[in-house]
Amino acid sequence: MAWLKIYSGTNQGDEKYQFDFQGRLFVANLAGEEHIWPNGQSLNDNIRSLECGPETWVTLYEDTGYRGRYENYFPNDAPGKIFLSKKVSSIKIYDSPPGWSPPQNENVAK
């Protein structure tokens, strides 16, 4: 199980929201009703810091639909302030490196 914790404050402070998942999780619009902080505010444009789990790769996007400026984070990253602070509108989260797929069983000559 992979996880990502996002925070409304710098240095992992203030409100916290956690994504727990397997595989990959894409959220094209963080303004949806299902993505709110415990205080009831939208996650959209309100993320200032984060923590990536040991098996978590993340891409944050400035605009909805995975558009605009973006930044990547890797397993165990925990920046006190993200570059797109208070500008994140969509997100892609993976439990393995993006673009990686498990090797297929192939017959190999011995």
PDB file of N, CA and C in Angstrom:
ATOM      1  N   MET A   1       0.855  -1.185   0.000  1.00  0.00           N
ATOM      2  CA  MET A   1       0.000   0.000   0.000  1.00  0.00           C
ATOM      3  C   MET A   1       0.896   1.242   0.000  1.00  0.00           C
ATOM      4  N   ALA A   2       0.632   2.145  -0.909  1.00  0.00           N
ATOM      5  CA  ALA A   2       1.366   3.408  -0.980  1.00  0.00           C
ATOM      6  C   ALA A   2       0.520   4.506  -0.352  1.00  0.00           C
ATOM      7  N   TRP A   3       1.174   5.620   0.009  1.00  0.00           N
ATOM      8  CA  TRP A   3       0.434   6.731   0.600  1.00  0.00           C
ATOM      9  C   TRP A   3       1.120   8.060   0.288  1.00  0.00           C
ATOM     10  N   LEU A   4       0.300   9.106   0.315  1.00  0.00           N
ATOM     11  CA  LEU A   4       0.763  10.483   0.171  1.00  0.00           C
ATOM     12  C   LEU A   4      -0.007  11.323   1.170  1.00  0.00           C
ATOM     13  N   LYS A   5       0.715  12.113   1.954  1.00  0.00           N
ATOM     14  CA  LYS A   5       0.084  13.059   2.871  1.00  0.00           C
ATOM     15  C   LYS A   5       0.342  14.462   2.327  1.00  0.00           C
ATOM     16  N   ILE A   6      -0.716  15.253   2.244  1.00  0.00           N
ATOM     17  CA  ILE A   6      -0.585  16.648   1.830  1.00  0.00           C
ATOM     18  C   ILE A   6      -1.055  17.527   2.977  1.00  0.00           C
ATOM     19  N   TYR A   7      -0.522  18.742   3.022  1.00  0.00           N
ATOM     20  CA  TYR A   7      -0.791  19.653   4.128  1.00  0.00           C
ATOM     21  C   TYR A   7      -1.137  21.039   3.604  1.00  0.00           C
ATOM     22  N   SER A   8      -1.998  21.721   4.343  1.00  0.00           N
ATOM     23  CA  SER A   8      -2.375  23.086   3.967  1.00  0.00           C
ATOM     24  C   SER A   8      -1.352  24.103   4.439  1.00  0.00           C
ATOM     25  N   GLY A   9      -0.457  23.723   5.333  1.00  0.00           N
ATOM     26  CA  GLY A   9       0.567  24.623   5.851  1.00  0.00           C
ATOM     27  C   GLY A   9       1.967  24.179   5.451  1.00  0.00           C
ATOM     28  N   THR A  10       2.927  25.056   5.603  1.00  0.00           N
ATOM     29  CA  THR A  10       4.315  24.702   5.348  1.00  0.00           C
ATOM     30  C   THR A  10       4.816  23.775   6.451  1.00  0.00           C
ATOM     31  N   ASN A  11       5.901  23.073   6.163  1.00  0.00           N
ATOM     32  CA  ASN A  11       6.545  22.179   7.126  1.00  0.00           C
ATOM     33  C   ASN A  11       5.577  21.151   7.716  1.00  0.00           C
ATOM     34  N   GLN A  12       4.701  20.602   6.861  1.00  0.00           N
ATOM     35  CA  GLN A  12       3.745  19.579   7.245  1.00  0.00           C
ATOM     36  C   GLN A  12       2.848  20.037   8.400  1.00  0.00           C
ATOM     37  N   GLY A  13       2.418  21.279   8.302  1.00  0.00           N
ATOM     38  CA  GLY A  13       1.566  21.840   9.349  1.00  0.00           C
ATOM     39  C   GLY A  13       0.137  22.081   8.896  1.00  0.00           C
ATOM     40  N   ASP A  14      -0.686  22.472   9.845  1.00  0.00           N
ATOM     41  CA  ASP A  14      -2.104  22.793   9.644  1.00  0.00           C
ATOM     42  C   ASP A  14      -2.900  21.550   9.239  1.00  0.00           C
ATOM     43  N   GLU A  15      -3.835  21.703   8.296  1.00  0.00           N
ATOM     44  CA  GLU A  15      -4.713  20.603   7.902  1.00  0.00           C
ATOM     45  C   GLU A  15      -3.933  19.520   7.151  1.00  0.00           C
ATOM     46  N   LYS A  16      -4.326  18.245   7.357  1.00  0.00           N
ATOM     47  CA  LYS A  16      -3.688  17.111   6.679  1.00  0.00           C
ATOM     48  C   LYS A  16      -4.739  16.285   5.965  1.00  0.00           C
ATOM     49  N   TYR A  17      -4.383  15.792   4.768  1.00  0.00           N
ATOM     50  CA  TYR A  17      -5.234  14.902   3.991  1.00  0.00           C
ATOM     51  C   TYR A  17      -4.343  13.773   3.496  1.00  0.00           C
ATOM     52  N   GLN A  18      -4.818  12.546   3.570  1.00  0.00           N
ATOM     53  CA  GLN A  18      -3.987  11.414   3.166  1.00  0.00           C
ATOM     54  C   GLN A  18      -4.660  10.605   2.076  1.00  0.00           C
ATOM     55  N   PHE A  19      -3.877  10.301   1.028  1.00  0.00           N
ATOM     56  CA  PHE A  19      -4.298   9.387  -0.027  1.00  0.00           C
ATOM     57  C   PHE A  19      -3.643   8.040   0.257  1.00  0.00           C
ATOM     58  N   ASP A  20      -4.415   6.966   0.386  1.00  0.00           N
ATOM     59  CA  ASP A  20      -3.918   5.604   0.493  1.00  0.00           C
ATOM     60  C   ASP A  20      -4.398   4.869  -0.754  1.00  0.00           C
ATOM     61  N   PHE A  21      -3.520   4.114  -1.416  1.00  0.00           N
ATOM     62  CA  PHE A  21      -3.903   3.493  -2.677  1.00  0.00           C
ATOM     63  C   PHE A  21      -2.942   2.380  -3.050  1.00  0.00           C
ATOM     64  N   GLN A  22      -3.337   1.618  -4.054  1.00  0.00           N
ATOM     65  CA  GLN A  22      -2.475   0.647  -4.708  1.00  0.00           C
ATOM     66  C   GLN A  22      -2.540   0.927  -6.195  1.00  0.00           C
ATOM     67  N   GLY A  23      -1.420   0.761  -6.878  1.00  0.00           N
ATOM     68  CA  GLY A  23      -1.384   1.012  -8.319  1.00  0.00           C
ATOM     69  C   GLY A  23      -1.130   2.475  -8.597  1.00  0.00           C
ATOM     70  N   ARG A  24      -2.132   3.135  -9.096  1.00  0.00           N
ATOM     71  CA  ARG A  24      -2.010   4.562  -9.360  1.00  0.00           C
ATOM     72  C   ARG A  24      -3.331   5.242  -9.041  1.00  0.00           C
ATOM     73  N   LEU A  25      -3.231   6.510  -8.728  1.00  0.00           N
ATOM     74  CA  LEU A  25      -4.414   7.302  -8.398  1.00  0.00           C
ATOM     75  C   LEU A  25      -4.266   8.641  -9.094  1.00  0.00           C
ATOM     76  N   PHE A  26      -5.189   8.966  -9.989  1.00  0.00           N
ATOM     77  CA  PHE A  26      -5.170  10.236 -10.710  1.00  0.00           C
ATOM     78  C   PHE A  26      -6.389  11.045 -10.281  1.00  0.00           C
ATOM     79  N   VAL A  27      -6.174  12.307  -9.951  1.00  0.00           N
ATOM     80  CA  VAL A  27      -7.267  13.220  -9.610  1.00  0.00           C
ATOM     81  C   VAL A  27      -7.142  14.414 -10.555  1.00  0.00           C
ATOM     82  N   ALA A  28      -8.036  14.489 -11.545  1.00  0.00           N
ATOM     83  CA  ALA A  28      -7.971  15.527 -12.570  1.00  0.00           C
ATOM     84  C   ALA A  28      -8.412  16.893 -12.070  1.00  0.00           C
ATOM     85  N   ASN A  29      -9.195  16.909 -10.975  1.00  0.00           N
ATOM     86  CA  ASN A  29      -9.685  18.187 -10.455  1.00  0.00           C
ATOM     87  C   ASN A  29      -9.837  18.081  -8.938  1.00  0.00           C
ATOM     88  N   LEU A  30      -8.942  18.723  -8.208  1.00  0.00           N
ATOM     89  CA  LEU A  30      -8.976  18.674  -6.746  1.00  0.00           C
ATOM     90  C   LEU A  30     -10.087  19.521  -6.134  1.00  0.00           C
ATOM     91  N   ALA A  31     -10.895  20.180  -6.967  1.00  0.00           N
ATOM     92  CA  ALA A  31     -11.978  21.014  -6.457  1.00  0.00           C
ATOM     93  C   ALA A  31     -13.245  20.212  -6.157  1.00  0.00           C
ATOM     94  N   GLY A  32     -13.233  18.905  -6.425  1.00  0.00           N
ATOM     95  CA  GLY A  32     -14.423  18.092  -6.196  1.00  0.00           C
ATOM     96  C   GLY A  32     -14.781  17.983  -4.721  1.00  0.00           C
ATOM     97  N   GLU A  33     -16.050  17.708  -4.464  1.00  0.00           N
ATOM     98  CA  GLU A  33     -16.560  17.607  -3.090  1.00  0.00           C
ATOM     99  C   GLU A  33     -15.890  16.508  -2.282  1.00  0.00           C
ATOM    100  N   GLU A  34     -15.372  15.474  -2.949  1.00  0.00           N
ATOM    101  CA  GLU A  34     -14.740  14.382  -2.225  1.00  0.00           C
ATOM    102  C   GLU A  34     -13.305  14.690  -1.799  1.00  0.00           C
ATOM    103  N   HIS A  35     -12.768  15.819  -2.241  1.00  0.00           N
ATOM    104  CA  HIS A  35     -11.390  16.197  -1.911  1.00  0.00           C
ATOM    105  C   HIS A  35     -11.386  17.490  -1.098  1.00  0.00           C
ATOM    106  N   ILE A  36     -11.639  17.326   0.204  1.00  0.00           N
ATOM    107  CA  ILE A  36     -11.676  18.497   1.090  1.00  0.00           C
ATOM    108  C   ILE A  36     -10.840  18.232   2.339  1.00  0.00           C
ATOM    109  N   TRP A  37     -10.343  19.290   2.912  1.00  0.00           N
ATOM    110  CA  TRP A  37      -9.619  19.213   4.177  1.00  0.00           C
ATOM    111  C   TRP A  37     -10.617  18.902   5.297  1.00  0.00           C
ATOM    112  N   PRO A  38     -10.134  18.443   6.439  1.00  0.00           N
ATOM    113  CA  PRO A  38     -11.044  18.201   7.573  1.00  0.00           C
ATOM    114  C   PRO A  38     -11.875  19.426   7.956  1.00  0.00           C
ATOM    115  N   ASN A  39     -11.363  20.637   7.683  1.00  0.00           N
ATOM    116  CA  ASN A  39     -12.116  21.852   8.030  1.00  0.00           C
ATOM    117  C   ASN A  39     -13.178  22.218   6.990  1.00  0.00           C
ATOM    118  N   GLY A  40     -13.307  21.395   5.921  1.00  0.00           N
ATOM    119  CA  GLY A  40     -14.336  21.626   4.912  1.00  0.00           C
ATOM    120  C   GLY A  40     -13.893  22.403   3.689  1.00  0.00           C
ATOM    121  N   GLN A  41     -12.686  22.951   3.670  1.00  0.00           N
ATOM    122  CA  GLN A  41     -12.193  23.697   2.504  1.00  0.00           C
ATOM    123  C   GLN A  41     -11.708  22.742   1.420  1.00  0.00           C
ATOM    124  N   SER A  42     -11.737  23.190   0.192  1.00  0.00           N
ATOM    125  CA  SER A  42     -11.279  22.405  -0.940  1.00  0.00           C
ATOM    126  C   SER A  42      -9.758  22.236  -0.908  1.00  0.00           C
ATOM    127  N   LEU A  43      -9.278  21.081  -1.392  1.00  0.00           N
ATOM    128  CA  LEU A  43      -7.832  20.882  -1.539  1.00  0.00           C
ATOM    129  C   LEU A  43      -7.279  21.743  -2.670  1.00  0.00           C
ATOM    130  N   ASN A  44      -8.118  22.053  -3.654  1.00  0.00           N
ATOM    131  CA  ASN A  44      -7.690  22.807  -4.823  1.00  0.00           C
ATOM    132  C   ASN A  44      -7.035  24.129  -4.431  1.00  0.00           C
ATOM    133  N   ASP A  45      -5.827  24.331  -4.920  1.00  0.00           N
ATOM    134  CA  ASP A  45      -5.057  25.558  -4.664  1.00  0.00           C
ATOM    135  C   ASP A  45      -4.795  25.802  -3.178  1.00  0.00           C
ATOM    136  N   ASN A  46      -4.777  24.742  -2.374  1.00  0.00           N
ATOM    137  CA  ASN A  46      -4.547  24.898  -0.933  1.00  0.00           C
ATOM    138  C   ASN A  46      -3.519  23.919  -0.376  1.00  0.00           C
ATOM    139  N   ILE A  47      -2.609  23.430  -1.212  1.00  0.00           N
ATOM    140  CA  ILE A  47      -1.567  22.511  -0.758  1.00  0.00           C
ATOM    141  C   ILE A  47      -0.257  23.282  -0.656  1.00  0.00           C
ATOM    142  N   ARG A  48       0.409  23.175   0.510  1.00  0.00           N
ATOM    143  CA  ARG A  48       1.673  23.906   0.694  1.00  0.00           C
ATOM    144  C   ARG A  48       2.865  23.003   0.987  1.00  0.00           C
ATOM    145  N   SER A  49       2.614  21.785   1.509  1.00  0.00           N
ATOM    146  CA  SER A  49       3.708  20.847   1.760  1.00  0.00           C
ATOM    147  C   SER A  49       3.169  19.431   1.653  1.00  0.00           C
ATOM    148  N   LEU A  50       4.072  18.440   1.630  1.00  0.00           N
ATOM    149  CA  LEU A  50       3.645  17.057   1.467  1.00  0.00           C
ATOM    150  C   LEU A  50       4.675  16.103   2.052  1.00  0.00           C
ATOM    151  N   GLU A  51       4.262  14.833   2.133  1.00  0.00           N
ATOM    152  CA  GLU A  51       5.124  13.718   2.529  1.00  0.00           C
ATOM    153  C   GLU A  51       4.787  12.540   1.633  1.00  0.00           C
ATOM    154  N   CYS A  52       5.795  11.986   0.961  1.00  0.00           N
ATOM    155  CA  CYS A  52       5.601  10.800   0.134  1.00  0.00           C
ATOM    156  C   CYS A  52       5.974   9.559   0.919  1.00  0.00           C
ATOM    157  N   GLY A  53       5.181   8.517   0.793  1.00  0.00           N
ATOM    158  CA  GLY A  53       5.503   7.246   1.414  1.00  0.00           C
ATOM    159  C   GLY A  53       6.709   6.613   0.752  1.00  0.00           C
ATOM    160  N   PRO A  54       7.214   5.517   1.314  1.00  0.00           N
ATOM    161  CA  PRO A  54       8.422   4.883   0.779  1.00  0.00           C
ATOM    162  C   PRO A  54       8.245   4.261  -0.601  1.00  0.00           C
ATOM    163  N   GLU A  55       7.023   4.102  -1.079  1.00  0.00           N
ATOM    164  CA  GLU A  55       6.772   3.555  -2.416  1.00  0.00           C
ATOM    165  C   GLU A  55       5.833   4.477  -3.190  1.00  0.00           C
ATOM    166  N   THR A  56       6.088   5.782  -3.131  1.00  0.00           N
ATOM    167  CA  THR A  56       5.160   6.746  -3.724  1.00  0.00           C
ATOM    168  C   THR A  56       5.879   7.739  -4.624  1.00  0.00           C
ATOM    169  N   TRP A  57       5.405   7.838  -5.870  1.00  0.00           N
ATOM    170  CA  TRP A  57       5.877   8.820  -6.837  1.00  0.00           C
ATOM    171  C   TRP A  57       4.705   9.735  -7.144  1.00  0.00           C
ATOM    172  N   VAL A  58       4.953  11.053  -7.209  1.00  0.00           N
ATOM    173  CA  VAL A  58       3.870  12.029  -7.337  1.00  0.00           C
ATOM    174  C   VAL A  58       4.216  13.084  -8.380  1.00  0.00           C
ATOM    175  N   THR A  59       3.229  13.477  -9.171  1.00  0.00           N
ATOM    176  CA  THR A  59       3.335  14.653 -10.024  1.00  0.00           C
ATOM    177  C   THR A  59       2.173  15.570  -9.681  1.00  0.00           C
ATOM    178  N   LEU A  60       2.496  16.806  -9.302  1.00  0.00           N
ATOM    179  CA  LEU A  60       1.501  17.839  -9.016  1.00  0.00           C
ATOM    180  C   LEU A  60       1.404  18.756 -10.231  1.00  0.00           C
ATOM    181  N   TYR A  61       0.189  19.181 -10.567  1.00  0.00           N
ATOM    182  CA  TYR A  61      -0.031  20.053 -11.725  1.00  0.00           C
ATOM    183  C   TYR A  61      -0.723  21.338 -11.287  1.00  0.00           C
ATOM    184  N   GLU A  62      -0.344  22.411 -11.927  1.00  0.00           N
ATOM    185  CA  GLU A  62      -0.916  23.723 -11.611  1.00  0.00           C
ATOM    186  C   GLU A  62      -2.376  23.837 -12.046  1.00  0.00           C
ATOM    187  N   ASP A  63      -2.731  23.194 -13.141  1.00  0.00           N
ATOM    188  CA  ASP A  63      -4.086  23.317 -13.679  1.00  0.00           C
ATOM    189  C   ASP A  63      -4.824  21.979 -13.628  1.00  0.00           C
ATOM    190  N   THR A  64      -6.141  22.033 -13.731  1.00  0.00           N
ATOM    191  CA  THR A  64      -6.933  20.818 -13.784  1.00  0.00           C
ATOM    192  C   THR A  64      -6.599  20.037 -15.053  1.00  0.00           C
ATOM    193  N   GLY A  65      -6.916  18.765 -15.064  1.00  0.00           N
ATOM    194  CA  GLY A  65      -6.680  17.944 -16.248  1.00  0.00           C
ATOM    195  C   GLY A  65      -5.217  17.671 -16.521  1.00  0.00           C
ATOM    196  N   TYR A  66      -4.354  17.775 -15.498  1.00  0.00           N
ATOM    197  CA  TYR A  66      -2.917  17.477 -15.620  1.00  0.00           C
ATOM    198  C   TYR A  66      -2.235  18.390 -16.640  1.00  0.00           C
ATOM    199  N   ARG A  67      -2.536  19.668 -16.541  1.00  0.00           N
ATOM    200  CA  ARG A  67      -1.958  20.664 -17.458  1.00  0.00           C
ATOM    201  C   ARG A  67      -1.217  21.721 -16.666  1.00  0.00           C
ATOM    202  N   GLY A  68      -0.487  22.540 -17.398  1.00  0.00           N
ATOM    203  CA  GLY A  68       0.247  23.647 -16.800  1.00  0.00           C
ATOM    204  C   GLY A  68       1.564  23.193 -16.187  1.00  0.00           C
ATOM    205  N   ARG A  69       2.140  24.079 -15.398  1.00  0.00           N
ATOM    206  CA  ARG A  69       3.407  23.740 -14.750  1.00  0.00           C
ATOM    207  C   ARG A  69       3.208  22.529 -13.858  1.00  0.00           C
ATOM    208  N   TYR A  70       4.276  21.765 -13.659  1.00  0.00           N
ATOM    209  CA  TYR A  70       4.188  20.581 -12.813  1.00  0.00           C
ATOM    210  C   TYR A  70       5.492  20.391 -12.057  1.00  0.00           C
ATOM    211  N   GLU A  71       5.429  19.561 -11.031  1.00  0.00           N
ATOM    212  CA  GLU A  71       6.628  19.194 -10.295  1.00  0.00           C
ATOM    213  C   GLU A  71       6.478  17.760  -9.817  1.00  0.00           C
ATOM    214  N   ASN A  72       7.620  17.064  -9.714  1.00  0.00           N
ATOM    215  CA  ASN A  72       7.641  15.655  -9.347  1.00  0.00           C
ATOM    216  C   ASN A  72       8.253  15.464  -7.971  1.00  0.00           C
ATOM    217  N   TYR A  73       7.734  14.471  -7.264  1.00  0.00           N
ATOM    218  CA  TYR A  73       8.274  14.072  -5.964  1.00  0.00           C
ATOM    219  C   TYR A  73       8.428  12.563  -5.959  1.00  0.00           C
ATOM    220  N   PHE A  74       9.334  12.090  -5.116  1.00  0.00           N
ATOM    221  CA  PHE A  74       9.765  10.704  -5.142  1.00  0.00           C
ATOM    222  C   PHE A  74       9.643  10.081  -3.757  1.00  0.00           C
ATOM    223  N   PRO A  75       9.823   8.745  -3.660  1.00  0.00           N
ATOM    224  CA  PRO A  75       9.681   8.090  -2.355  1.00  0.00           C
ATOM    225  C   PRO A  75      10.461   8.797  -1.248  1.00  0.00           C
ATOM    226  N   ASN A  76       9.783   8.948  -0.117  1.00  0.00           N
ATOM    227  CA  ASN A  76      10.328   9.555   1.103  1.00  0.00           C
ATOM    228  C   ASN A  76      10.602  11.050   1.016  1.00  0.00           C
ATOM    229  N   ASP A  77      10.198  11.722  -0.064  1.00  0.00           N
ATOM    230  CA  ASP A  77      10.321  13.183  -0.114  1.00  0.00           C
ATOM    231  C   ASP A  77       9.376  13.802   0.914  1.00  0.00           C
ATOM    232  N   ALA A  78       9.820  14.877   1.540  1.00  0.00           N
ATOM    233  CA  ALA A  78       8.988  15.598   2.510  1.00  0.00           C
ATOM    234  C   ALA A  78       9.398  17.067   2.546  1.00  0.00           C
ATOM    235  N   PRO A  79       9.216  17.782   1.420  1.00  0.00           N
ATOM    236  CA  PRO A  79       9.611  19.195   1.406  1.00  0.00           C
ATOM    237  C   PRO A  79       8.728  20.028   2.326  1.00  0.00           C
ATOM    238  N   GLY A  80       9.332  20.960   3.019  1.00  0.00           N
ATOM    239  CA  GLY A  80       8.601  21.845   3.916  1.00  0.00           C
ATOM    240  C   GLY A  80       7.720  22.835   3.179  1.00  0.00           C
ATOM    241  N   LYS A  81       8.037  23.099   1.892  1.00  0.00           N
ATOM    242  CA  LYS A  81       7.205  23.962   1.055  1.00  0.00           C
ATOM    243  C   LYS A  81       7.417  23.531  -0.390  1.00  0.00           C
ATOM    244  N   ILE A  82       6.330  23.284  -1.108  1.00  0.00           N
ATOM    245  CA  ILE A  82       6.432  22.878  -2.501  1.00  0.00           C
ATOM    246  C   ILE A  82       6.514  24.102  -3.399  1.00  0.00           C
ATOM    247  N   PHE A  83       7.107  23.925  -4.580  1.00  0.00           N
ATOM    248  CA  PHE A  83       7.269  25.025  -5.521  1.00  0.00           C
ATOM    249  C   PHE A  83       5.917  25.591  -5.960  1.00  0.00           C
ATOM    250  N   LEU A  84       4.934  24.726  -6.231  1.00  0.00           N
ATOM    251  CA  LEU A  84       3.603  25.164  -6.658  1.00  0.00           C
ATOM    252  C   LEU A  84       2.694  25.459  -5.467  1.00  0.00           C
ATOM    253  N   SER A  85       3.268  25.926  -4.393  1.00  0.00           N
ATOM    254  CA  SER A  85       2.510  26.181  -3.169  1.00  0.00           C
ATOM    255  C   SER A  85       1.241  26.980  -3.450  1.00  0.00           C
ATOM    256  N   LYS A  86       0.108  26.430  -3.009  1.00  0.00           N
ATOM    257  CA  LYS A  86      -1.219  27.034  -3.150  1.00  0.00           C
ATOM    258  C   LYS A  86      -1.649  27.207  -4.609  1.00  0.00           C
ATOM    259  N   LYS A  87      -1.087  26.362  -5.522  1.00  0.00           N
ATOM    260  CA  LYS A  87      -1.463  26.437  -6.935  1.00  0.00           C
ATOM    261  C   LYS A  87      -1.758  25.067  -7.543  1.00  0.00           C
ATOM    262  N   VAL A  88      -1.856  24.016  -6.747  1.00  0.00           N
ATOM    263  CA  VAL A  88      -2.046  22.662  -7.273  1.00  0.00           C
ATOM    264  C   VAL A  88      -3.530  22.391  -7.520  1.00  0.00           C
ATOM    265  N   SER A  89      -3.861  21.974  -8.765  1.00  0.00           N
ATOM    266  CA  SER A  89      -5.255  21.693  -9.118  1.00  0.00           C
ATOM    267  C   SER A  89      -5.503  20.267  -9.569  1.00  0.00           C
ATOM    268  N   SER A  90      -4.446  19.517  -9.924  1.00  0.00           N
ATOM    269  CA  SER A  90      -4.602  18.097 -10.261  1.00  0.00           C
ATOM    270  C   SER A  90      -3.334  17.362  -9.857  1.00  0.00           C
ATOM    271  N   ILE A  91      -3.449  16.024  -9.755  1.00  0.00           N
ATOM    272  CA  ILE A  91      -2.361  15.243  -9.187  1.00  0.00           C
ATOM    273  C   ILE A  91      -2.381  13.826  -9.752  1.00  0.00           C
ATOM    274  N   LYS A  92      -1.191  13.262  -9.955  1.00  0.00           N
ATOM    275  CA  LYS A  92      -1.036  11.855 -10.320  1.00  0.00           C
ATOM    276  C   LYS A  92      -0.128  11.221  -9.276  1.00  0.00           C
ATOM    277  N   ILE A  93      -0.555  10.060  -8.747  1.00  0.00           N
ATOM    278  CA  ILE A  93       0.195   9.378  -7.698  1.00  0.00           C
ATOM    279  C   ILE A  93       0.369   7.913  -8.128  1.00  0.00           C
ATOM    280  N   TYR A  94       1.584   7.390  -7.962  1.00  0.00           N
ATOM    281  CA  TYR A  94       1.916   6.027  -8.380  1.00  0.00           C
ATOM    282  C   TYR A  94       2.580   5.264  -7.237  1.00  0.00           C
ATOM    283  N   ASP A  95       2.425   3.918  -7.250  1.00  0.00           N
ATOM    284  CA  ASP A  95       3.135   3.099  -6.272  1.00  0.00           C
ATOM    285  C   ASP A  95       4.353   2.401  -6.878  1.00  0.00           C
ATOM    286  N   SER A  96       4.719   2.786  -8.093  1.00  0.00           N
ATOM    287  CA  SER A  96       5.951   2.357  -8.750  1.00  0.00           C
ATOM    288  C   SER A  96       6.351   3.501  -9.683  1.00  0.00           C
ATOM    289  N   PRO A  97       7.578   3.533 -10.137  1.00  0.00           N
ATOM    290  CA  PRO A  97       7.986   4.651 -10.992  1.00  0.00           C
ATOM    291  C   PRO A  97       7.072   4.776 -12.215  1.00  0.00           C
ATOM    292  N   PRO A  98       6.617   5.971 -12.562  1.00  0.00           N
ATOM    293  CA  PRO A  98       5.766   6.145 -13.747  1.00  0.00           C
ATOM    294  C   PRO A  98       6.472   5.596 -14.986  1.00  0.00           C
ATOM    295  N   GLY A  99       5.722   4.897 -15.799  1.00  0.00           N
ATOM    296  CA  GLY A  99       6.292   4.314 -17.013  1.00  0.00           C
ATOM    297  C   GLY A  99       6.892   2.932 -16.801  1.00  0.00           C
ATOM    298  N   TRP A 100       6.999   2.505 -15.554  1.00  0.00           N
ATOM    299  CA  TRP A 100       7.546   1.183 -15.256  1.00  0.00           C
ATOM    300  C   TRP A 100       6.433   0.160 -15.252  1.00  0.00           C
ATOM    301  N   SER A 101       6.702  -1.005 -15.770  1.00  0.00           N
ATOM    302  CA  SER A 101       5.738  -2.098 -15.658  1.00  0.00           C
ATOM    303  C   SER A 101       6.502  -3.364 -15.295  1.00  0.00           C
ATOM    304  N   PRO A 102       5.861  -4.257 -14.564  1.00  0.00           N
ATOM    305  CA  PRO A 102       6.558  -5.476 -14.151  1.00  0.00           C
ATOM    306  C   PRO A 102       7.008  -6.280 -15.359  1.00  0.00           C
ATOM    307  N   PRO A 103       8.144  -6.974 -15.256  1.00  0.00           N
ATOM    308  CA  PRO A 103       8.594  -7.794 -16.383  1.00  0.00           C
ATOM    309  C   PRO A 103       7.593  -8.911 -16.666  1.00  0.00           C
ATOM    310  N   GLN A 104       7.431  -9.220 -17.917  1.00  0.00           N
ATOM    311  CA  GLN A 104       6.542 -10.299 -18.331  1.00  0.00           C
ATOM    312  C   GLN A 104       7.288 -11.616 -18.242  1.00  0.00           C
ATOM    313  N   ASN A 105       6.567 -12.684 -17.967  1.00  0.00           N
ATOM    314  CA  ASN A 105       7.185 -14.016 -17.988  1.00  0.00           C
ATOM    315  C   ASN A 105       7.531 -14.344 -19.432  1.00  0.00           C
ATOM    316  N   GLU A 106       8.786 -14.510 -19.681  1.00  0.00           N
ATOM    317  CA  GLU A 106       9.236 -14.826 -21.038  1.00  0.00           C
ATOM    318  C   GLU A 106      10.070 -16.093 -20.989  1.00  0.00           C
ATOM    319  N   ASN A 107      10.019 -16.871 -22.047  1.00  0.00           N
ATOM    320  CA  ASN A 107      10.879 -18.028 -22.142  1.00  0.00           C
ATOM    321  C   ASN A 107      12.276 -17.540 -22.498  1.00  0.00           C
ATOM    322  N   VAL A 108      13.211 -17.885 -21.672  1.00  0.00           N
ATOM    323  CA  VAL A 108      14.582 -17.429 -21.885  1.00  0.00           C
ATOM    324  C   VAL A 108      15.441 -18.671 -22.141  1.00  0.00           C
ATOM    325  N   ALA A 109      16.235 -18.624 -23.199  1.00  0.00           N
ATOM    326  CA  ALA A 109      17.118 -19.740 -23.514  1.00  0.00           C
ATOM    327  C   ALA A 109      18.126 -19.908 -22.387  1.00  0.00           C
ATOM    328  N   LYS A 110      18.348 -21.162 -22.011  1.00  0.00           N
ATOM    329  CA  LYS A 110      19.312 -21.447 -20.925  1.00  0.00           C
ATOM    330  C   LYS A 110      20.536 -22.091 -21.472  1.00  0.00           C
TER     331      LYS A 110
END
